[in-house]
């Protein structure tokens, strides 16, 4: 079952690279703040690297001006997410989060079976806006599309 607006985000452990790999649970990540989490099928993949992540980098200050933090997630390990962040000049403040085994995306019902492409389990392309861990908006792109999870679309639909 896919997570829905009004649902509390499921409990899961994700990873970030900061003085080594550090575990962060979803309550820590989402608790007590407004956060846009956007997920990509894979770090270093074409649309993700050319359009999805760069859009959030470009609009990061606009999200911050609305009091909203931003995090990027992929079913990759923390080392890959860190290398991708460096290659894309991701500024401090845009958190790069690894869901290495896909447990969080599976718990939300947002997994993508990309085994036909040799990529295994991945995340669907989506963006969600949560306040204190409760989903307020959910934007899931159709397979092969990049529209509703784009930074400008998400920013336009955030509450004033």
C-alpha atoms as a PDB file:
ATOM      1  CA  UNK A   1       0.000   0.000   0.000  1.00  0.00           C
ATOM      2  CA  UNK A   2       1.387   3.392  -0.984  1.00  0.00           C
ATOM      3  CA  UNK A   3       1.774   6.046   1.680  1.00  0.00           C
ATOM      4  CA  UNK A   4      -0.850   8.782   1.477  1.00  0.00           C
ATOM      5  CA  UNK A   5      -1.367  12.372   2.520  1.00  0.00           C
ATOM      6  CA  UNK A   6      -2.054  12.468   6.253  1.00  0.00           C
ATOM      7  CA  UNK A   7       0.016   9.354   6.990  1.00  0.00           C
ATOM      8  CA  UNK A   8       2.947   9.401   9.378  1.00  0.00           C
ATOM      9  CA  UNK A   9       6.157   8.362   7.668  1.00  0.00           C
ATOM     10  CA  UNK A  10       7.237   4.839   8.579  1.00  0.00           C
ATOM     11  CA  UNK A  11      10.077   4.138  10.953  1.00  0.00           C
ATOM     12  CA  UNK A  12      13.286   3.237   9.093  1.00  0.00           C
ATOM     13  CA  UNK A  13      17.021   3.716   9.368  1.00  0.00           C
ATOM     14  CA  UNK A  14      18.774   5.633   6.611  1.00  0.00           C
ATOM     15  CA  UNK A  15      22.445   6.558   6.249  1.00  0.00           C
ATOM     16  CA  UNK A  16      24.437   9.705   5.653  1.00  0.00           C
ATOM     17  CA  UNK A  17      28.174  10.153   5.243  1.00  0.00           C
ATOM     18  CA  UNK A  18      29.526  12.528   7.880  1.00  0.00           C
ATOM     19  CA  UNK A  19      32.715  11.517   9.655  1.00  0.00           C
ATOM     20  CA  UNK A  20      31.999   7.999   8.393  1.00  0.00           C
ATOM     21  CA  UNK A  21      28.664   6.373   7.709  1.00  0.00           C
ATOM     22  CA  UNK A  22      26.094   7.459  10.260  1.00  0.00           C
ATOM     23  CA  UNK A  23      22.673   5.971  10.766  1.00  0.00           C
ATOM     24  CA  UNK A  24      19.753   8.372  11.022  1.00  0.00           C
ATOM     25  CA  UNK A  25      16.244   7.195  11.726  1.00  0.00           C
ATOM     26  CA  UNK A  26      13.284   8.750  10.001  1.00  0.00           C
ATOM     27  CA  UNK A  27      11.990  10.250  13.255  1.00  0.00           C
ATOM     28  CA  UNK A  28      15.267  12.180  13.586  1.00  0.00           C
ATOM     29  CA  UNK A  29      15.227  13.194   9.933  1.00  0.00           C
ATOM     30  CA  UNK A  30      11.627  14.412   9.802  1.00  0.00           C
ATOM     31  CA  UNK A  31      10.802  15.192  13.421  1.00  0.00           C
ATOM     32  CA  UNK A  32      10.123  18.770  14.440  1.00  0.00           C
ATOM     33  CA  UNK A  33      10.603  20.334  11.034  1.00  0.00           C
ATOM     34  CA  UNK A  34       9.195  20.928   7.591  1.00  0.00           C
ATOM     35  CA  UNK A  35      11.040  18.863   5.013  1.00  0.00           C
ATOM     36  CA  UNK A  36      10.813  18.104   1.320  1.00  0.00           C
ATOM     37  CA  UNK A  37      12.254  14.696   0.571  1.00  0.00           C
ATOM     38  CA  UNK A  38      12.770  13.979  -3.084  1.00  0.00           C
ATOM     39  CA  UNK A  39      13.810  10.555  -4.266  1.00  0.00           C
ATOM     40  CA  UNK A  40      15.520   9.510  -7.444  1.00  0.00           C
ATOM     41  CA  UNK A  41      15.890   6.080  -9.060  1.00  0.00           C
ATOM     42  CA  UNK A  42      19.660   6.319  -8.805  1.00  0.00           C
ATOM     43  CA  UNK A  43      22.593   8.607  -8.195  1.00  0.00           C
ATOM     44  CA  UNK A  44      24.591   9.425 -11.328  1.00  0.00           C
ATOM     45  CA  UNK A  45      21.713   8.388 -13.623  1.00  0.00           C
ATOM     46  CA  UNK A  46      20.928  10.741 -16.538  1.00  0.00           C
ATOM     47  CA  UNK A  47      17.709  12.557 -15.549  1.00  0.00           C
ATOM     48  CA  UNK A  48      18.610  12.508 -11.874  1.00  0.00           C
ATOM     49  CA  UNK A  49      21.992  14.146 -12.521  1.00  0.00           C
ATOM     50  CA  UNK A  50      21.015  16.487 -15.328  1.00  0.00           C
ATOM     51  CA  UNK A  51      17.670  17.763 -14.037  1.00  0.00           C
ATOM     52  CA  UNK A  52      16.291  16.427 -10.755  1.00  0.00           C
ATOM     53  CA  UNK A  53      19.089  17.120  -8.250  1.00  0.00           C
ATOM     54  CA  UNK A  54      20.243  20.319 -10.020  1.00  0.00           C
ATOM     55  CA  UNK A  55      16.720  21.757  -9.746  1.00  0.00           C
ATOM     56  CA  UNK A  56      16.730  21.400  -5.975  1.00  0.00           C
ATOM     57  CA  UNK A  57      20.258  22.805  -5.764  1.00  0.00           C
ATOM     58  CA  UNK A  58      19.124  25.811  -7.809  1.00  0.00           C
ATOM     59  CA  UNK A  59      15.994  26.420  -5.709  1.00  0.00           C
ATOM     60  CA  UNK A  60      17.405  25.545  -2.275  1.00  0.00           C
ATOM     61  CA  UNK A  61      17.329  29.160  -1.074  1.00  0.00           C
ATOM     62  CA  UNK A  62      13.668  29.492  -2.120  1.00  0.00           C
ATOM     63  CA  UNK A  63      12.774  26.406  -0.053  1.00  0.00           C
ATOM     64  CA  UNK A  64      14.720  27.788   2.898  1.00  0.00           C
ATOM     65  CA  UNK A  65      12.915  31.117   2.566  1.00  0.00           C
ATOM     66  CA  UNK A  66       9.675  29.187   3.137  1.00  0.00           C
ATOM     67  CA  UNK A  67      11.166  27.515   6.213  1.00  0.00           C
ATOM     68  CA  UNK A  68      11.464  24.160   4.472  1.00  0.00           C
ATOM     69  CA  UNK A  69      14.510  21.898   4.554  1.00  0.00           C
ATOM     70  CA  UNK A  70      15.399  19.633   1.623  1.00  0.00           C
ATOM     71  CA  UNK A  71      16.788  16.114   1.456  1.00  0.00           C
ATOM     72  CA  UNK A  72      17.602  13.900  -1.515  1.00  0.00           C
ATOM     73  CA  UNK A  73      17.313  10.127  -1.233  1.00  0.00           C
ATOM     74  CA  UNK A  74      18.208   7.174  -3.434  1.00  0.00           C
ATOM     75  CA  UNK A  75      18.541   3.434  -3.029  1.00  0.00           C
ATOM     76  CA  UNK A  76      22.317   3.753  -3.097  1.00  0.00           C
ATOM     77  CA  UNK A  77      24.883   3.606  -0.322  1.00  0.00           C
ATOM     78  CA  UNK A  78      26.082   6.651   1.614  1.00  0.00           C
ATOM     79  CA  UNK A  79      29.448   6.670  -0.201  1.00  0.00           C
ATOM     80  CA  UNK A  80      27.743   6.895  -3.596  1.00  0.00           C
ATOM     81  CA  UNK A  81      25.412   9.637  -2.356  1.00  0.00           C
ATOM     82  CA  UNK A  82      28.395  11.605  -1.045  1.00  0.00           C
ATOM     83  CA  UNK A  83      30.366  11.203  -4.288  1.00  0.00           C
ATOM     84  CA  UNK A  84      27.307  12.274  -6.286  1.00  0.00           C
ATOM     85  CA  UNK A  85      26.827  15.319  -4.045  1.00  0.00           C
ATOM     86  CA  UNK A  86      30.446  16.359  -4.606  1.00  0.00           C
ATOM     87  CA  UNK A  87      30.184  15.864  -8.372  1.00  0.00           C
ATOM     88  CA  UNK A  88      27.010  17.995  -8.449  1.00  0.00           C
ATOM     89  CA  UNK A  89      28.327  20.732  -6.121  1.00  0.00           C
ATOM     90  CA  UNK A  90      25.491  20.165  -3.672  1.00  0.00           C
ATOM     91  CA  UNK A  91      25.589  22.930  -1.055  1.00  0.00           C
ATOM     92  CA  UNK A  92      25.614  22.280   2.649  1.00  0.00           C
ATOM     93  CA  UNK A  93      22.045  22.172   3.836  1.00  0.00           C
ATOM     94  CA  UNK A  94      20.741  19.895   1.103  1.00  0.00           C
ATOM     95  CA  UNK A  95      21.007  16.571   2.877  1.00  0.00           C
ATOM     96  CA  UNK A  96      21.972  13.500   0.856  1.00  0.00           C
ATOM     97  CA  UNK A  97      20.372  10.386   2.339  1.00  0.00           C
ATOM     98  CA  UNK A  98      21.018   6.755   1.459  1.00  0.00           C
ATOM     99  CA  UNK A  99      18.317   4.081   1.646  1.00  0.00           C
ATOM    100  CA  UNK A 100      20.852   1.425   0.726  1.00  0.00           C
ATOM    101  CA  UNK A 101      18.602  -1.611   1.036  1.00  0.00           C
ATOM    102  CA  UNK A 102      15.406   0.158  -0.013  1.00  0.00           C
ATOM    103  CA  UNK A 103      13.696  -0.523   3.315  1.00  0.00           C
ATOM    104  CA  UNK A 104      12.216   2.974   3.585  1.00  0.00           C
ATOM    105  CA  UNK A 105      10.875   3.090   0.019  1.00  0.00           C
ATOM    106  CA  UNK A 106       9.386  -0.392   0.459  1.00  0.00           C
ATOM    107  CA  UNK A 107       7.743   0.672   3.731  1.00  0.00           C
ATOM    108  CA  UNK A 108       6.164   3.605   1.868  1.00  0.00           C
ATOM    109  CA  UNK A 109       5.116   1.461  -1.089  1.00  0.00           C
ATOM    110  CA  UNK A 110       7.247   3.590  -3.421  1.00  0.00           C
ATOM    111  CA  UNK A 111       9.732   0.974  -4.602  1.00  0.00           C
ATOM    112  CA  UNK A 112      10.558   0.475  -8.263  1.00  0.00           C
ATOM    113  CA  UNK A 113      11.533  -2.914  -9.641  1.00  0.00           C
ATOM    114  CA  UNK A 114      14.308  -2.058 -12.094  1.00  0.00           C
ATOM    115  CA  UNK A 115      15.695  -5.583 -12.376  1.00  0.00           C
ATOM    116  CA  UNK A 116      14.884  -5.640 -16.081  1.00  0.00           C
ATOM    117  CA  UNK A 117      17.467  -2.881 -16.476  1.00  0.00           C
ATOM    118  CA  UNK A 118      20.072  -4.521 -14.221  1.00  0.00           C
ATOM    119  CA  UNK A 119      19.443  -2.013 -11.433  1.00  0.00           C
ATOM    120  CA  UNK A 120      17.554  -4.125  -8.870  1.00  0.00           C
ATOM    121  CA  UNK A 121      15.181  -2.510  -6.406  1.00  0.00           C
ATOM    122  CA  UNK A 122      15.127   1.283  -6.626  1.00  0.00           C
ATOM    123  CA  UNK A 123      12.884   4.152  -5.629  1.00  0.00           C
ATOM    124  CA  UNK A 124      10.178   5.613  -7.780  1.00  0.00           C
ATOM    125  CA  UNK A 125      10.822   9.240  -8.668  1.00  0.00           C
ATOM    126  CA  UNK A 126       8.852  11.256  -6.125  1.00  0.00           C
ATOM    127  CA  UNK A 127       8.851  14.239  -3.803  1.00  0.00           C
ATOM    128  CA  UNK A 128       6.972  14.557  -0.568  1.00  0.00           C
ATOM    129  CA  UNK A 129       6.465  17.417   1.819  1.00  0.00           C
ATOM    130  CA  UNK A 130       6.146  16.507   5.490  1.00  0.00           C
ATOM    131  CA  UNK A 131       5.627  18.469   8.661  1.00  0.00           C
ATOM    132  CA  UNK A 132       6.926  16.739  11.796  1.00  0.00           C
ATOM    133  CA  UNK A 133       6.876  13.392   9.986  1.00  0.00           C
ATOM    134  CA  UNK A 134       3.329  13.666   8.630  1.00  0.00           C
ATOM    135  CA  UNK A 135       2.905  13.671   4.848  1.00  0.00           C
ATOM    136  CA  UNK A 136       1.191  16.864   3.705  1.00  0.00           C
ATOM    137  CA  UNK A 137       1.909  16.538  -0.027  1.00  0.00           C
ATOM    138  CA  UNK A 138       2.971  13.622  -2.188  1.00  0.00           C
ATOM    139  CA  UNK A 139       4.088  13.991  -5.802  1.00  0.00           C
ATOM    140  CA  UNK A 140       4.834  10.713  -7.611  1.00  0.00           C
ATOM    141  CA  UNK A 141       5.974  10.798 -11.221  1.00  0.00           C
ATOM    142  CA  UNK A 142       4.642   8.199 -13.621  1.00  0.00           C
ATOM    143  CA  UNK A 143       7.277   5.732 -14.883  1.00  0.00           C
ATOM    144  CA  UNK A 144       9.634   7.440 -17.318  1.00  0.00           C
ATOM    145  CA  UNK A 145       8.346  10.928 -16.458  1.00  0.00           C
ATOM    146  CA  UNK A 146       9.898  13.865 -14.648  1.00  0.00           C
ATOM    147  CA  UNK A 147       7.225  16.440 -13.855  1.00  0.00           C
ATOM    148  CA  UNK A 148       5.556  16.533 -10.447  1.00  0.00           C
ATOM    149  CA  UNK A 149       8.663  15.732  -8.402  1.00  0.00           C
ATOM    150  CA  UNK A 150      10.649  18.594  -9.980  1.00  0.00           C
ATOM    151  CA  UNK A 151      11.841  21.332  -7.628  1.00  0.00           C
ATOM    152  CA  UNK A 152       9.927  24.130  -9.314  1.00  0.00           C
ATOM    153  CA  UNK A 153       6.673  22.120  -9.254  1.00  0.00           C
ATOM    154  CA  UNK A 154       7.097  21.205  -5.573  1.00  0.00           C
ATOM    155  CA  UNK A 155       8.038  24.754  -4.631  1.00  0.00           C
ATOM    156  CA  UNK A 156       4.995  26.142  -6.441  1.00  0.00           C
ATOM    157  CA  UNK A 157       2.684  23.809  -4.493  1.00  0.00           C
ATOM    158  CA  UNK A 158       4.089  24.375  -0.992  1.00  0.00           C
ATOM    159  CA  UNK A 159       1.812  26.182   1.464  1.00  0.00           C
ATOM    160  CA  UNK A 160       2.375  29.920   1.631  1.00  0.00           C
END
